[in-house]
Amino acid sequence: MIINYYQILELTPSATKIDIKKAYRRLALKYHPDKNKNPDAHEKFIVINEAYLILYDDEARAKYDREYKYVYVQQESTKQKYQKQEQQQQKRNQQYTNYKSKEKQFEDEDLNNWTKNAREQGENFAKMTFENFSNLIVGMVKETGFQLGNALLLMLGALLSMGGCGNIVVGLTTKGEIGNPILGLIFLPIGIILCKLAQKNYDGHKI
C-alpha cells in the first residue's frame, strides 16, 4: 500500500497549497530531531518533508493523487475493507522506521524518483540545527507571502489594463457611450503602474 501523505500532514485530499505549507511548517518544527528527542522523530521528520515536497508540487501531487484515489477510494468498496485499510495505515504511520526509502512503492517511476530526492533533502534538513532549520522555514513562509502578494498585484494590474483598453475600444466604437472611454483612460494608467510596480518588486527581490 502506498503511504498516505495527506494523513502524514494531518490534512484531507482537498487541502490547498497554503494548508500544505502551514501543516509542514508546524509538523517539521515539532519533529525536527534536534528538538524532538523521541526515537522515531528522525524518521517522522523525513517523511513529513517527503509528504510536503510531493503534495506541494502540482505535477507530483497530480501523479500521487491518481495512485492515492485508486488505493484509498476505488479499492474501498465496503465499509469493512475501509476500516481494515485504515487500521493498517494507522499502524504503518506509527512505525515510520519500517518505511524503507529504497522501496518503489508507486507505479509511476517519476514519483518514485521524486520521493527519493525528497527523503534525501529531509536527511539534510535533519542534520541541521533546529535554529538554522527554523530560520529556513521562516524564510520559506516569507518568500511564499511575497510571491503571492506580488502575483495578486500583477493580476490586478493586468485586469485594470485590459479593462481600460476594452472600455476605450467600446467607447470609441459605440455612439453616445462617453462613459466607457473615460473609465478606460482612468483604468489603463492605473493598471500599467501596478504592473510596473509588480515587476520592480520582483526585480528588486532577485537582487
N, C-alpha and C. Protein backbone atom coordinates (compact mmCIF):
# COMPACT_ATOMS: atom_id res chain seq x y z
N MET A 1 0.84 -1.20 0.00
CA MET A 1 0.00 0.00 0.00
C MET A 1 0.88 1.25 0.00
N ILE A 2 0.50 2.26 -0.77
CA ILE A 2 1.28 3.49 -0.79
C ILE A 2 1.07 4.27 0.51
N ILE A 3 2.05 5.06 0.86
CA ILE A 3 1.97 5.84 2.07
C ILE A 3 0.94 6.96 1.89
N ASN A 4 0.22 7.28 2.95
CA ASN A 4 -0.83 8.31 2.90
C ASN A 4 -0.23 9.65 3.30
N TYR A 5 0.22 10.42 2.32
CA TYR A 5 0.85 11.70 2.60
C TYR A 5 -0.11 12.69 3.24
N TYR A 6 -1.38 12.61 2.88
CA TYR A 6 -2.36 13.52 3.48
C TYR A 6 -2.48 13.25 4.98
N GLN A 7 -2.49 12.00 5.33
CA GLN A 7 -2.58 11.65 6.74
C GLN A 7 -1.31 12.04 7.48
N ILE A 8 -0.17 11.92 6.83
CA ILE A 8 1.10 12.32 7.44
C ILE A 8 1.07 13.79 7.84
N LEU A 9 0.52 14.63 6.96
CA LEU A 9 0.45 16.07 7.23
C LEU A 9 -0.83 16.47 7.95
N GLU A 10 -1.64 15.45 8.31
CA GLU A 10 -2.89 15.69 9.04
C GLU A 10 -3.83 16.57 8.22
N LEU A 11 -3.93 16.24 6.93
CA LEU A 11 -4.76 17.00 6.00
C LEU A 11 -5.72 16.07 5.27
N THR A 12 -6.62 16.66 4.49
CA THR A 12 -7.51 15.89 3.62
C THR A 12 -7.08 16.13 2.17
N PRO A 13 -7.53 15.30 1.24
CA PRO A 13 -7.16 15.48 -0.17
C PRO A 13 -7.62 16.81 -0.77
N SER A 14 -8.49 17.53 -0.09
CA SER A 14 -8.95 18.82 -0.61
C SER A 14 -8.09 19.98 -0.12
N ALA A 15 -7.02 19.68 0.59
CA ALA A 15 -6.15 20.72 1.16
C ALA A 15 -5.57 21.61 0.07
N THR A 16 -5.47 22.91 0.35
CA THR A 16 -4.86 23.86 -0.57
C THR A 16 -3.35 23.88 -0.35
N LYS A 17 -2.64 24.58 -1.22
CA LYS A 17 -1.19 24.70 -1.08
C LYS A 17 -0.84 25.46 0.19
N ILE A 18 -1.68 26.41 0.56
CA ILE A 18 -1.46 27.16 1.81
C ILE A 18 -1.61 26.21 2.99
N ASP A 19 -2.64 25.35 2.96
CA ASP A 19 -2.84 24.37 4.04
C ASP A 19 -1.63 23.44 4.15
N ILE A 20 -1.11 23.02 3.01
CA ILE A 20 0.02 22.10 2.99
C ILE A 20 1.25 22.75 3.59
N LYS A 21 1.51 24.00 3.22
CA LYS A 21 2.69 24.70 3.74
C LYS A 21 2.57 24.93 5.26
N LYS A 22 1.37 25.31 5.72
CA LYS A 22 1.16 25.53 7.15
C LYS A 22 1.36 24.24 7.94
N ALA A 23 0.81 23.14 7.42
CA ALA A 23 0.94 21.85 8.10
C ALA A 23 2.40 21.42 8.15
N TYR A 24 3.10 21.60 7.05
CA TYR A 24 4.52 21.23 7.01
C TYR A 24 5.32 22.04 8.03
N ARG A 25 5.10 23.34 8.05
CA ARG A 25 5.84 24.19 8.97
C ARG A 25 5.61 23.76 10.43
N ARG A 26 4.35 23.49 10.75
CA ARG A 26 4.02 23.11 12.14
C ARG A 26 4.64 21.76 12.50
N LEU A 27 4.49 20.77 11.63
CA LEU A 27 4.95 19.43 11.96
C LEU A 27 6.47 19.29 11.85
N ALA A 28 7.07 19.97 10.87
CA ALA A 28 8.52 19.89 10.71
C ALA A 28 9.23 20.50 11.91
N LEU A 29 8.72 21.61 12.39
CA LEU A 29 9.33 22.23 13.58
C LEU A 29 9.10 21.36 14.82
N LYS A 30 7.98 20.67 14.86
CA LYS A 30 7.66 19.82 16.00
C LYS A 30 8.55 18.58 16.05
N TYR A 31 8.85 17.99 14.88
CA TYR A 31 9.56 16.72 14.86
C TYR A 31 11.03 16.83 14.43
N HIS A 32 11.53 18.05 14.29
CA HIS A 32 12.95 18.15 13.93
C HIS A 32 13.78 17.43 15.01
N PRO A 33 14.63 16.50 14.60
CA PRO A 33 15.35 15.66 15.59
C PRO A 33 16.27 16.43 16.52
N ASP A 34 16.66 17.64 16.16
CA ASP A 34 17.49 18.43 17.06
C ASP A 34 16.69 18.95 18.23
N LYS A 35 15.36 19.00 18.06
CA LYS A 35 14.48 19.47 19.13
C LYS A 35 13.71 18.33 19.78
N ASN A 36 13.20 17.41 18.95
CA ASN A 36 12.39 16.30 19.44
C ASN A 36 13.28 15.08 19.65
N LYS A 37 13.35 14.61 20.86
CA LYS A 37 14.27 13.52 21.21
C LYS A 37 13.61 12.16 21.20
N ASN A 38 12.38 12.06 20.70
CA ASN A 38 11.75 10.75 20.58
C ASN A 38 12.52 9.89 19.58
N PRO A 39 12.60 8.59 19.81
CA PRO A 39 13.38 7.71 18.92
C PRO A 39 12.92 7.74 17.47
N ASP A 40 11.63 7.95 17.25
CA ASP A 40 11.11 7.93 15.88
C ASP A 40 11.02 9.32 15.25
N ALA A 41 11.49 10.35 15.95
CA ALA A 41 11.37 11.72 15.44
C ALA A 41 12.12 11.92 14.14
N HIS A 42 13.30 11.31 14.04
CA HIS A 42 14.12 11.48 12.83
C HIS A 42 13.39 10.98 11.59
N GLU A 43 12.82 9.79 11.67
CA GLU A 43 12.11 9.24 10.51
C GLU A 43 10.81 9.99 10.24
N LYS A 44 10.12 10.39 11.30
CA LYS A 44 8.90 11.16 11.12
C LYS A 44 9.20 12.46 10.38
N PHE A 45 10.27 13.10 10.79
CA PHE A 45 10.65 14.37 10.17
C PHE A 45 10.92 14.19 8.68
N ILE A 46 11.61 13.13 8.32
CA ILE A 46 11.95 12.88 6.92
C ILE A 46 10.69 12.61 6.09
N VAL A 47 9.77 11.83 6.62
CA VAL A 47 8.55 11.51 5.88
C VAL A 47 7.65 12.75 5.77
N ILE A 48 7.65 13.59 6.80
CA ILE A 48 6.90 14.85 6.74
C ILE A 48 7.45 15.72 5.61
N ASN A 49 8.77 15.78 5.51
CA ASN A 49 9.40 16.56 4.44
C ASN A 49 9.06 15.96 3.07
N GLU A 50 9.06 14.65 3.01
CA GLU A 50 8.72 13.95 1.77
C GLU A 50 7.28 14.25 1.36
N ALA A 51 6.37 14.17 2.31
CA ALA A 51 4.96 14.43 2.03
C ALA A 51 4.75 15.86 1.53
N TYR A 52 5.44 16.79 2.17
CA TYR A 52 5.30 18.20 1.77
C TYR A 52 5.78 18.43 0.34
N LEU A 53 6.95 17.92 0.00
CA LEU A 53 7.51 18.17 -1.31
C LEU A 53 6.67 17.54 -2.43
N ILE A 54 6.08 16.39 -2.16
CA ILE A 54 5.24 15.74 -3.17
C ILE A 54 3.90 16.46 -3.31
N LEU A 55 3.27 16.80 -2.22
CA LEU A 55 1.94 17.40 -2.28
C LEU A 55 1.98 18.87 -2.68
N TYR A 56 3.08 19.55 -2.41
CA TYR A 56 3.14 20.98 -2.73
C TYR A 56 3.43 21.22 -4.21
N ASP A 57 4.11 20.28 -4.84
CA ASP A 57 4.39 20.40 -6.26
C ASP A 57 3.18 19.92 -7.07
N ASP A 58 2.71 20.76 -7.98
CA ASP A 58 1.47 20.46 -8.71
C ASP A 58 1.56 19.17 -9.52
N GLU A 59 2.66 18.99 -10.25
CA GLU A 59 2.80 17.80 -11.08
C GLU A 59 2.94 16.54 -10.24
N ALA A 60 3.76 16.62 -9.19
CA ALA A 60 3.95 15.46 -8.32
C ALA A 60 2.65 15.10 -7.61
N ARG A 61 1.91 16.11 -7.17
CA ARG A 61 0.65 15.84 -6.47
C ARG A 61 -0.37 15.19 -7.40
N ALA A 62 -0.40 15.65 -8.66
CA ALA A 62 -1.34 15.06 -9.62
C ALA A 62 -1.04 13.57 -9.83
N LYS A 63 0.23 13.24 -9.94
CA LYS A 63 0.62 11.84 -10.11
C LYS A 63 0.29 11.04 -8.84
N TYR A 64 0.58 11.65 -7.68
CA TYR A 64 0.30 10.95 -6.42
C TYR A 64 -1.20 10.74 -6.24
N ASP A 65 -1.99 11.77 -6.55
CA ASP A 65 -3.44 11.67 -6.35
C ASP A 65 -4.06 10.56 -7.18
N ARG A 66 -3.52 10.32 -8.37
CA ARG A 66 -4.04 9.23 -9.21
C ARG A 66 -3.88 7.88 -8.51
N GLU A 67 -2.73 7.67 -7.92
CA GLU A 67 -2.49 6.41 -7.23
C GLU A 67 -3.21 6.38 -5.88
N TYR A 68 -3.28 7.52 -5.24
CA TYR A 68 -3.98 7.62 -3.95
C TYR A 68 -5.46 7.26 -4.11
N LYS A 69 -6.09 7.82 -5.15
CA LYS A 69 -7.52 7.55 -5.37
C LYS A 69 -7.77 6.09 -5.70
N TYR A 70 -6.84 5.50 -6.43
CA TYR A 70 -7.01 4.09 -6.79
C TYR A 70 -6.93 3.20 -5.54
N VAL A 71 -5.96 3.50 -4.68
CA VAL A 71 -5.75 2.67 -3.49
C VAL A 71 -6.76 2.96 -2.40
N TYR A 72 -7.01 4.25 -2.13
CA TYR A 72 -7.83 4.62 -0.98
C TYR A 72 -9.29 4.87 -1.31
N VAL A 73 -9.63 4.97 -2.60
CA VAL A 73 -11.03 5.23 -2.95
C VAL A 73 -11.64 4.07 -3.73
N GLN A 74 -11.07 3.74 -4.87
CA GLN A 74 -11.66 2.73 -5.73
C GLN A 74 -11.64 1.34 -5.12
N GLN A 75 -10.59 1.04 -4.39
CA GLN A 75 -10.48 -0.30 -3.82
C GLN A 75 -11.27 -0.46 -2.52
N GLU A 76 -11.79 0.65 -1.99
CA GLU A 76 -12.55 0.58 -0.74
C GLU A 76 -14.03 0.42 -1.06
N SER A 77 -14.44 -0.74 -1.47
CA SER A 77 -15.81 -0.96 -1.91
C SER A 77 -16.77 -1.25 -0.77
N THR A 78 -16.26 -1.67 0.38
CA THR A 78 -17.13 -1.96 1.50
C THR A 78 -16.60 -1.28 2.76
N LYS A 79 -17.46 -1.07 3.72
CA LYS A 79 -17.07 -0.43 4.97
C LYS A 79 -16.05 -1.27 5.72
N GLN A 80 -16.20 -2.58 5.67
CA GLN A 80 -15.28 -3.47 6.37
C GLN A 80 -13.87 -3.33 5.80
N LYS A 81 -13.76 -3.31 4.47
CA LYS A 81 -12.46 -3.15 3.85
C LYS A 81 -11.85 -1.80 4.20
N TYR A 82 -12.71 -0.77 4.23
CA TYR A 82 -12.23 0.57 4.55
C TYR A 82 -11.66 0.62 5.96
N GLN A 83 -12.36 0.03 6.92
CA GLN A 83 -11.90 0.04 8.29
C GLN A 83 -10.59 -0.73 8.44
N LYS A 84 -10.49 -1.84 7.75
CA LYS A 84 -9.27 -2.64 7.80
C LYS A 84 -8.10 -1.85 7.21
N GLN A 85 -8.36 -1.14 6.12
CA GLN A 85 -7.33 -0.34 5.47
C GLN A 85 -6.86 0.78 6.40
N GLU A 86 -7.80 1.41 7.07
CA GLU A 86 -7.45 2.50 7.99
C GLU A 86 -6.62 1.99 9.15
N GLN A 87 -6.97 0.83 9.67
CA GLN A 87 -6.21 0.24 10.77
C GLN A 87 -4.78 -0.07 10.33
N GLN A 88 -4.65 -0.59 9.13
CA GLN A 88 -3.32 -0.89 8.61
C GLN A 88 -2.51 0.39 8.41
N GLN A 89 -3.19 1.44 7.93
CA GLN A 89 -2.48 2.69 7.70
C GLN A 89 -2.04 3.34 9.02
N GLN A 90 -2.92 3.28 10.02
CA GLN A 90 -2.57 3.84 11.32
C GLN A 90 -1.37 3.12 11.92
N LYS A 91 -1.34 1.83 11.77
CA LYS A 91 -0.22 1.05 12.27
C LYS A 91 1.05 1.42 11.52
N ARG A 92 0.91 1.63 10.23
CA ARG A 92 2.08 2.00 9.42
C ARG A 92 2.60 3.37 9.82
N ASN A 93 1.69 4.32 10.07
CA ASN A 93 2.11 5.66 10.45
C ASN A 93 2.77 5.68 11.81
N GLN A 94 2.44 4.73 12.67
CA GLN A 94 3.06 4.64 13.99
C GLN A 94 4.43 3.98 13.91
N GLN A 95 4.75 3.40 12.80
CA GLN A 95 6.02 2.70 12.66
C GLN A 95 6.79 3.25 11.46
N TYR A 96 7.14 4.50 11.57
CA TYR A 96 7.86 5.16 10.50
C TYR A 96 9.19 4.47 10.18
N THR A 97 9.77 3.87 11.17
CA THR A 97 11.07 3.25 10.96
C THR A 97 10.99 2.04 10.03
N ASN A 98 9.79 1.54 9.80
CA ASN A 98 9.64 0.40 8.89
C ASN A 98 9.53 0.84 7.44
N TYR A 99 9.46 2.15 7.24
CA TYR A 99 9.35 2.66 5.88
C TYR A 99 10.74 2.74 5.25
N LYS A 100 10.96 2.00 4.16
CA LYS A 100 12.28 1.95 3.53
C LYS A 100 12.29 2.80 2.27
N SER A 101 13.20 3.75 2.24
CA SER A 101 13.25 4.68 1.12
C SER A 101 13.60 4.00 -0.19
N LYS A 102 14.27 2.84 -0.15
CA LYS A 102 14.69 2.18 -1.38
C LYS A 102 13.55 1.42 -2.05
N GLU A 103 12.45 1.22 -1.32
CA GLU A 103 11.33 0.50 -1.90
C GLU A 103 10.62 1.37 -2.94
N LYS A 104 10.26 0.79 -4.06
CA LYS A 104 9.49 1.51 -5.07
C LYS A 104 8.02 1.27 -4.79
N GLN A 105 7.42 2.19 -4.09
CA GLN A 105 6.04 1.98 -3.67
C GLN A 105 5.02 2.49 -4.67
N PHE A 106 5.44 3.31 -5.65
CA PHE A 106 4.50 3.86 -6.61
C PHE A 106 4.66 3.21 -7.98
N GLU A 107 3.57 3.22 -8.74
CA GLU A 107 3.62 2.71 -10.11
C GLU A 107 4.38 3.68 -11.01
N ASP A 108 4.22 4.97 -10.74
CA ASP A 108 4.86 6.00 -11.55
C ASP A 108 6.34 6.13 -11.16
N GLU A 109 7.22 5.94 -12.13
CA GLU A 109 8.65 5.96 -11.84
C GLU A 109 9.14 7.36 -11.46
N ASP A 110 8.55 8.39 -12.07
CA ASP A 110 8.92 9.75 -11.70
C ASP A 110 8.61 10.02 -10.23
N LEU A 111 7.47 9.53 -9.79
CA LEU A 111 7.07 9.72 -8.40
C LEU A 111 8.04 9.02 -7.45
N ASN A 112 8.49 7.85 -7.82
CA ASN A 112 9.48 7.14 -7.01
C ASN A 112 10.78 7.94 -6.91
N ASN A 113 11.20 8.50 -8.03
CA ASN A 113 12.43 9.29 -8.03
C ASN A 113 12.28 10.56 -7.20
N TRP A 114 11.12 11.20 -7.32
CA TRP A 114 10.90 12.42 -6.55
C TRP A 114 10.85 12.16 -5.06
N THR A 115 10.23 11.05 -4.66
CA THR A 115 10.18 10.73 -3.23
C THR A 115 11.58 10.43 -2.70
N LYS A 116 12.39 9.79 -3.53
CA LYS A 116 13.78 9.51 -3.13
C LYS A 116 14.54 10.81 -2.90
N ASN A 117 14.38 11.75 -3.82
CA ASN A 117 15.04 13.05 -3.67
C ASN A 117 14.51 13.81 -2.46
N ALA A 118 13.19 13.68 -2.22
CA ALA A 118 12.58 14.35 -1.08
C ALA A 118 13.14 13.81 0.23
N ARG A 119 13.35 12.51 0.30
CA ARG A 119 13.91 11.91 1.51
C ARG A 119 15.36 12.37 1.71
N GLU A 120 16.08 12.50 0.62
CA GLU A 120 17.46 12.96 0.73
C GLU A 120 17.51 14.39 1.26
N GLN A 121 16.58 15.22 0.80
CA GLN A 121 16.51 16.58 1.32
C GLN A 121 16.13 16.56 2.80
N GLY A 122 15.20 15.68 3.16
CA GLY A 122 14.82 15.54 4.56
C GLY A 122 15.99 15.14 5.44
N GLU A 123 16.82 14.24 4.93
CA GLU A 123 18.02 13.82 5.67
C GLU A 123 18.95 15.02 5.91
N ASN A 124 19.10 15.84 4.89
CA ASN A 124 19.96 17.02 5.02
C ASN A 124 19.38 18.01 6.03
N PHE A 125 18.07 18.21 5.98
CA PHE A 125 17.43 19.11 6.95
C PHE A 125 17.55 18.57 8.37
N ALA A 126 17.48 17.24 8.50
CA ALA A 126 17.57 16.62 9.83
C ALA A 126 18.94 16.84 10.45
N LYS A 127 19.95 17.02 9.62
CA LYS A 127 21.32 17.23 10.11
C LYS A 127 21.55 18.68 10.55
N MET A 128 20.66 19.57 10.15
CA MET A 128 20.79 20.98 10.52
C MET A 128 20.40 21.17 11.97
N THR A 129 20.94 22.21 12.59
CA THR A 129 20.49 22.55 13.93
C THR A 129 19.06 23.06 13.85
N PHE A 130 18.33 22.95 14.94
CA PHE A 130 16.95 23.41 14.94
C PHE A 130 16.87 24.90 14.64
N GLU A 131 17.83 25.66 15.14
CA GLU A 131 17.82 27.12 14.91
C GLU A 131 17.97 27.43 13.43
N ASN A 132 18.91 26.76 12.78
CA ASN A 132 19.12 27.01 11.35
C ASN A 132 17.92 26.55 10.53
N PHE A 133 17.34 25.41 10.91
CA PHE A 133 16.19 24.91 10.17
C PHE A 133 14.98 25.83 10.35
N SER A 134 14.73 26.29 11.58
CA SER A 134 13.59 27.17 11.82
C SER A 134 13.75 28.48 11.06
N ASN A 135 14.99 28.98 10.96
CA ASN A 135 15.22 30.20 10.17
C ASN A 135 14.93 29.95 8.70
N LEU A 136 15.26 28.75 8.22
CA LEU A 136 14.98 28.38 6.84
C LEU A 136 13.48 28.34 6.59
N ILE A 137 12.74 27.77 7.53
CA ILE A 137 11.28 27.67 7.40
C ILE A 137 10.64 29.04 7.39
N VAL A 138 11.10 29.92 8.28
CA VAL A 138 10.57 31.29 8.31
C VAL A 138 10.81 31.97 6.97
N GLY A 139 12.00 31.75 6.40
CA GLY A 139 12.31 32.32 5.10
C GLY A 139 11.40 31.80 4.02
N MET A 140 11.05 30.51 4.06
CA MET A 140 10.14 29.92 3.09
C MET A 140 8.76 30.56 3.18
N VAL A 141 8.29 30.81 4.40
CA VAL A 141 6.98 31.42 4.60
C VAL A 141 6.96 32.84 4.07
N LYS A 142 8.04 33.60 4.37
CA LYS A 142 8.11 34.97 3.88
C LYS A 142 8.16 35.02 2.36
N GLU A 143 8.92 34.09 1.76
CA GLU A 143 9.03 34.05 0.31
C GLU A 143 7.68 33.74 -0.33
N THR A 144 6.93 32.81 0.28
CA THR A 144 5.61 32.47 -0.24
C THR A 144 4.68 33.67 -0.16
N GLY A 145 4.74 34.39 0.96
CA GLY A 145 3.90 35.57 1.13
C GLY A 145 4.22 36.64 0.10
N PHE A 146 5.51 36.84 -0.16
CA PHE A 146 5.91 37.83 -1.16
C PHE A 146 5.42 37.45 -2.55
N GLN A 147 5.65 36.19 -2.93
CA GLN A 147 5.25 35.73 -4.26
C GLN A 147 3.75 35.84 -4.46
N LEU A 148 2.98 35.49 -3.42
CA LEU A 148 1.52 35.55 -3.53
C LEU A 148 1.06 36.99 -3.66
N GLY A 149 1.59 37.88 -2.81
CA GLY A 149 1.20 39.28 -2.86
C GLY A 149 1.56 39.94 -4.18
N ASN A 150 2.76 39.65 -4.67
CA ASN A 150 3.19 40.25 -5.93
C ASN A 150 2.39 39.71 -7.11
N ALA A 151 2.03 38.44 -7.05
CA ALA A 151 1.22 37.84 -8.11
C ALA A 151 -0.16 38.50 -8.15
N LEU A 152 -0.74 38.76 -6.99
CA LEU A 152 -2.06 39.42 -6.92
C LEU A 152 -1.97 40.84 -7.46
N LEU A 153 -0.85 41.52 -7.13
CA LEU A 153 -0.66 42.88 -7.63
C LEU A 153 -0.54 42.89 -9.15
N LEU A 154 0.20 41.95 -9.68
CA LEU A 154 0.36 41.85 -11.14
C LEU A 154 -0.96 41.51 -11.81
N MET A 155 -1.72 40.60 -11.21
CA MET A 155 -3.01 40.21 -11.79
C MET A 155 -3.98 41.39 -11.80
N LEU A 156 -4.00 42.17 -10.70
CA LEU A 156 -4.88 43.34 -10.63
C LEU A 156 -4.49 44.36 -11.69
N GLY A 157 -3.17 44.56 -11.84
CA GLY A 157 -2.71 45.50 -12.85
C GLY A 157 -3.10 45.06 -14.25
N ALA A 158 -2.96 43.77 -14.52
CA ALA A 158 -3.31 43.25 -15.84
C ALA A 158 -4.81 43.39 -16.11
N LEU A 159 -5.63 43.10 -15.10
CA LEU A 159 -7.08 43.22 -15.26
C LEU A 159 -7.50 44.66 -15.53
N LEU A 160 -6.89 45.60 -14.77
CA LEU A 160 -7.23 47.00 -14.98
C LEU A 160 -6.78 47.48 -16.36
N SER A 161 -5.60 47.02 -16.80
CA SER A 161 -5.09 47.41 -18.12
C SER A 161 -6.00 46.89 -19.22
N MET A 162 -6.38 45.62 -19.12
CA MET A 162 -7.26 45.04 -20.14
C MET A 162 -8.64 45.69 -20.10
N GLY A 163 -9.13 45.92 -18.88
CA GLY A 163 -10.43 46.57 -18.75
C GLY A 163 -10.42 47.99 -19.31
N GLY A 164 -9.29 48.68 -19.07
CA GLY A 164 -9.17 50.04 -19.59
C GLY A 164 -9.16 50.06 -21.10
N CYS A 165 -8.36 49.17 -21.69
CA CYS A 165 -8.33 49.08 -23.17
C CYS A 165 -9.69 48.72 -23.73
N GLY A 166 -10.38 47.79 -23.08
CA GLY A 166 -11.70 47.37 -23.53
C GLY A 166 -12.71 48.51 -23.49
N ASN A 167 -12.67 49.29 -22.42
CA ASN A 167 -13.60 50.41 -22.29
C ASN A 167 -13.34 51.48 -23.33
N ILE A 168 -12.07 51.72 -23.62
CA ILE A 168 -11.73 52.72 -24.63
C ILE A 168 -12.24 52.28 -26.00
N VAL A 169 -11.99 51.02 -26.34
CA VAL A 169 -12.42 50.50 -27.64
C VAL A 169 -13.93 50.55 -27.76
N VAL A 170 -14.64 50.10 -26.72
CA VAL A 170 -16.11 50.11 -26.75
C VAL A 170 -16.64 51.53 -26.86
N GLY A 171 -16.01 52.43 -26.11
CA GLY A 171 -16.46 53.82 -26.14
C GLY A 171 -16.28 54.48 -27.49
N LEU A 172 -15.20 54.15 -28.15
CA LEU A 172 -14.92 54.76 -29.45
C LEU A 172 -15.74 54.16 -30.58
N THR A 173 -16.16 52.92 -30.40
CA THR A 173 -16.91 52.24 -31.46
C THR A 173 -18.42 52.27 -31.23
N THR A 174 -18.84 52.78 -30.08
CA THR A 174 -20.27 52.86 -29.76
C THR A 174 -20.69 54.32 -29.64
N LYS A 175 -21.62 54.74 -30.43
CA LYS A 175 -22.06 56.13 -30.40
C LYS A 175 -22.74 56.48 -29.09
N GLY A 176 -22.35 57.61 -28.56
CA GLY A 176 -23.02 58.11 -27.37
C GLY A 176 -22.53 57.52 -26.07
N GLU A 177 -21.63 56.54 -26.11
CA GLU A 177 -21.14 55.91 -24.88
C GLU A 177 -19.88 56.64 -24.40
N ILE A 178 -20.06 57.83 -23.85
CA ILE A 178 -18.92 58.62 -23.42
C ILE A 178 -18.30 58.09 -22.14
N GLY A 179 -19.07 57.36 -21.35
CA GLY A 179 -18.57 56.86 -20.06
C GLY A 179 -17.46 55.84 -20.22
N ASN A 180 -17.56 54.99 -21.23
CA ASN A 180 -16.58 53.92 -21.42
C ASN A 180 -15.16 54.43 -21.66
N PRO A 181 -14.93 55.34 -22.59
CA PRO A 181 -13.56 55.80 -22.79
C PRO A 181 -12.99 56.54 -21.59
N ILE A 182 -13.84 57.24 -20.85
CA ILE A 182 -13.36 57.95 -19.66
C ILE A 182 -12.88 56.94 -18.62
N LEU A 183 -13.68 55.89 -18.41
CA LEU A 183 -13.27 54.85 -17.46
C LEU A 183 -11.99 54.17 -17.94
N GLY A 184 -11.93 53.96 -19.26
CA GLY A 184 -10.74 53.32 -19.82
C GLY A 184 -9.49 54.15 -19.58
N LEU A 185 -9.62 55.47 -19.74
CA LEU A 185 -8.48 56.37 -19.53
C LEU A 185 -8.07 56.42 -18.07
N ILE A 186 -9.00 56.05 -17.18
CA ILE A 186 -8.68 56.01 -15.75
C ILE A 186 -8.03 54.67 -15.39
N PHE A 187 -8.65 53.56 -15.86
CA PHE A 187 -8.16 52.22 -15.50
C PHE A 187 -6.81 51.89 -16.13
N LEU A 188 -6.63 52.27 -17.40
CA LEU A 188 -5.43 51.87 -18.13
C LEU A 188 -4.13 52.33 -17.47
N PRO A 189 -3.98 53.62 -17.14
CA PRO A 189 -2.72 54.04 -16.50
C PRO A 189 -2.52 53.42 -15.12
N ILE A 190 -3.63 53.22 -14.38
CA ILE A 190 -3.51 52.59 -13.06
C ILE A 190 -3.00 51.16 -13.21
N GLY A 191 -3.55 50.44 -14.19
CA GLY A 191 -3.12 49.07 -14.44
C GLY A 191 -1.66 49.00 -14.84
N ILE A 192 -1.24 49.92 -15.70
CA ILE A 192 0.16 49.94 -16.13
C ILE A 192 1.09 50.21 -14.95
N ILE A 193 0.70 51.14 -14.10
CA ILE A 193 1.51 51.46 -12.91
C ILE A 193 1.65 50.25 -11.99
N LEU A 194 0.53 49.54 -11.78
CA LEU A 194 0.57 48.36 -10.90
C LEU A 194 1.44 47.25 -11.49
N CYS A 195 1.35 47.05 -12.80
CA CYS A 195 2.19 46.04 -13.45
C CYS A 195 3.66 46.39 -13.33
N LYS A 196 3.99 47.66 -13.54
CA LYS A 196 5.38 48.10 -13.40
C LYS A 196 5.87 47.96 -11.97
N LEU A 197 4.98 48.24 -11.02
CA LEU A 197 5.35 48.11 -9.62
C LEU A 197 5.63 46.66 -9.26
N ALA A 198 4.79 45.75 -9.77
CA ALA A 198 5.00 44.32 -9.50
C ALA A 198 6.32 43.85 -10.09
N GLN A 199 6.62 44.30 -11.31
CA GLN A 199 7.89 43.93 -11.95
C GLN A 199 9.08 44.50 -11.18
N LYS A 200 8.94 45.73 -10.71
CA LYS A 200 10.00 46.35 -9.92
C LYS A 200 10.24 45.59 -8.62
N ASN A 201 9.14 45.17 -7.98
CA ASN A 201 9.27 44.38 -6.74
C ASN A 201 9.99 43.07 -7.01
N TYR A 202 9.63 42.43 -8.12
CA TYR A 202 10.25 41.15 -8.46
C TYR A 202 11.73 41.31 -8.76
N ASP A 203 12.07 42.35 -9.55
CA ASP A 203 13.48 42.58 -9.88
C ASP A 203 14.30 42.90 -8.65
N GLY A 204 13.71 43.71 -7.76
CA GLY A 204 14.41 44.05 -6.52
C GLY A 204 14.56 42.87 -5.59
N HIS A 205 13.58 41.94 -5.64
CA HIS A 205 13.61 40.75 -4.77
C HIS A 205 14.69 39.79 -5.22
N LYS A 206 15.01 39.77 -6.53
CA LYS A 206 16.03 38.85 -7.04
C LYS A 206 17.43 39.27 -6.65
N ILE A 207 17.64 40.58 -6.41
CA ILE A 207 18.98 41.08 -6.09
C ILE A 207 19.43 40.62 -4.71
